[in-house]
Amino acid sequence: MGRPSNKPRVLAAVLEVIERGGVAAVTVESVAAQAGMTVQGVLYHFASKDELMAATERAMWEEAEEISRNALVGDEALASIQD
């Protein structure tokens, strides 16, 4: 079995860069530095800054959808207990 992917690490680094300096601070270089990787390592997973930002947006939407699903399941469970 191969090594685990560094994609989650890179995506987390994007969010940390945004948190510190806003979207304008995001460069492949700043993300690589935050992730403790080389620029080439980041570009291995994401061919460009645009691809990196699109993947970050997708990951954020997926997380929001999961939170919403979990909240709905919790609400439905609570309603069934109260009935």
Protein backbone atom coordinates (compact mmCIF):
# COMPACT_ATOMS: atom_id res chain seq x y z
CA MET A 1 0.00 0.00 0.00
CA GLY A 2 1.29 3.49 -0.88
CA ARG A 3 1.84 6.48 1.27
CA PRO A 4 -1.16 8.53 2.35
CA SER A 5 -1.97 11.48 0.11
CA ASN A 6 -0.80 14.94 1.09
CA LYS A 7 -3.91 16.51 -0.45
CA PRO A 8 -5.71 16.99 2.90
CA ARG A 9 -2.56 18.58 4.31
CA VAL A 10 -2.37 20.99 1.36
CA LEU A 11 -6.06 21.90 1.61
CA ALA A 12 -5.71 22.55 5.34
CA ALA A 13 -2.73 24.79 4.60
CA VAL A 14 -4.83 26.82 2.15
CA LEU A 15 -7.40 27.48 4.87
CA GLU A 16 -4.68 28.50 7.32
CA VAL A 17 -3.17 30.93 4.79
CA ILE A 18 -6.63 32.40 4.13
CA GLU A 19 -7.27 32.74 7.87
CA ARG A 20 -4.00 34.63 8.37
CA GLY A 21 -3.96 36.86 5.32
CA GLY A 22 -7.14 36.50 3.32
CA VAL A 23 -7.61 34.99 -0.11
CA ALA A 24 -5.13 37.46 -1.62
CA ALA A 25 -2.38 35.83 0.48
CA VAL A 26 -2.88 32.45 -1.17
CA THR A 27 -0.06 31.54 -3.52
CA VAL A 28 1.32 28.13 -4.30
CA GLU A 29 4.46 29.25 -2.45
CA SER A 30 2.58 30.38 0.69
CA VAL A 31 0.57 27.15 0.76
CA ALA A 32 3.71 25.04 0.32
CA ALA A 33 5.44 26.87 3.16
CA GLN A 34 2.40 26.50 5.44
CA ALA A 35 2.13 22.78 4.62
CA GLY A 36 5.86 22.22 5.12
CA MET A 37 6.18 21.03 1.54
CA THR A 38 7.97 22.12 -1.59
CA VAL A 39 6.19 24.04 -4.33
CA GLN A 40 6.71 20.98 -6.53
CA GLY A 41 5.00 18.83 -3.90
CA VAL A 42 1.92 21.05 -3.96
CA LEU A 43 1.92 21.18 -7.77
CA TYR A 44 2.09 17.38 -7.87
CA HIS A 45 -1.41 17.31 -6.38
CA PHE A 46 -2.81 20.54 -7.85
CA ALA A 47 -1.52 21.74 -11.22
CA SER A 48 -2.25 25.41 -10.56
CA LYS A 49 -3.45 27.89 -7.98
CA ASP A 50 -6.87 27.87 -9.68
CA GLU A 51 -7.10 24.09 -9.31
CA LEU A 52 -6.00 24.37 -5.68
CA MET A 53 -8.65 26.99 -4.92
CA ALA A 54 -11.36 24.99 -6.69
CA ALA A 55 -10.45 21.89 -4.66
CA THR A 56 -10.53 23.96 -1.46
CA GLU A 57 -13.99 25.29 -2.32
CA ARG A 58 -15.25 21.74 -3.09
CA ALA A 59 -13.86 20.46 0.22
CA MET A 60 -15.56 23.28 2.12
CA TRP A 61 -18.92 22.56 0.43
CA GLU A 62 -18.57 18.84 1.16
CA GLU A 63 -17.89 19.59 4.83
CA ALA A 64 -20.88 21.96 5.00
CA GLU A 65 -23.13 19.30 3.43
CA GLU A 66 -21.95 16.71 5.94
CA ILE A 67 -22.62 19.07 8.85
CA SER A 68 -26.11 19.74 7.48
CA ARG A 69 -26.83 16.02 7.05
CA ASN A 70 -25.67 15.31 10.59
CA ALA A 71 -27.82 18.13 11.94
CA LEU A 72 -30.87 16.77 10.10
CA VAL A 73 -30.26 13.26 11.41
CA GLY A 74 -29.92 14.67 14.92
CA ASP A 75 -33.17 16.64 14.54
CA GLU A 76 -35.00 13.56 13.26
CA ALA A 77 -33.68 11.46 16.15
CA LEU A 78 -34.73 14.09 18.66
CA ALA A 79 -38.20 14.32 17.09
CA SER A 80 -38.64 10.54 17.29
CA ILE A 81 -37.72 10.56 20.98
CA GLN A 82 -40.13 13.40 21.71
CA ASP A 83 -43.05 11.70 19.94
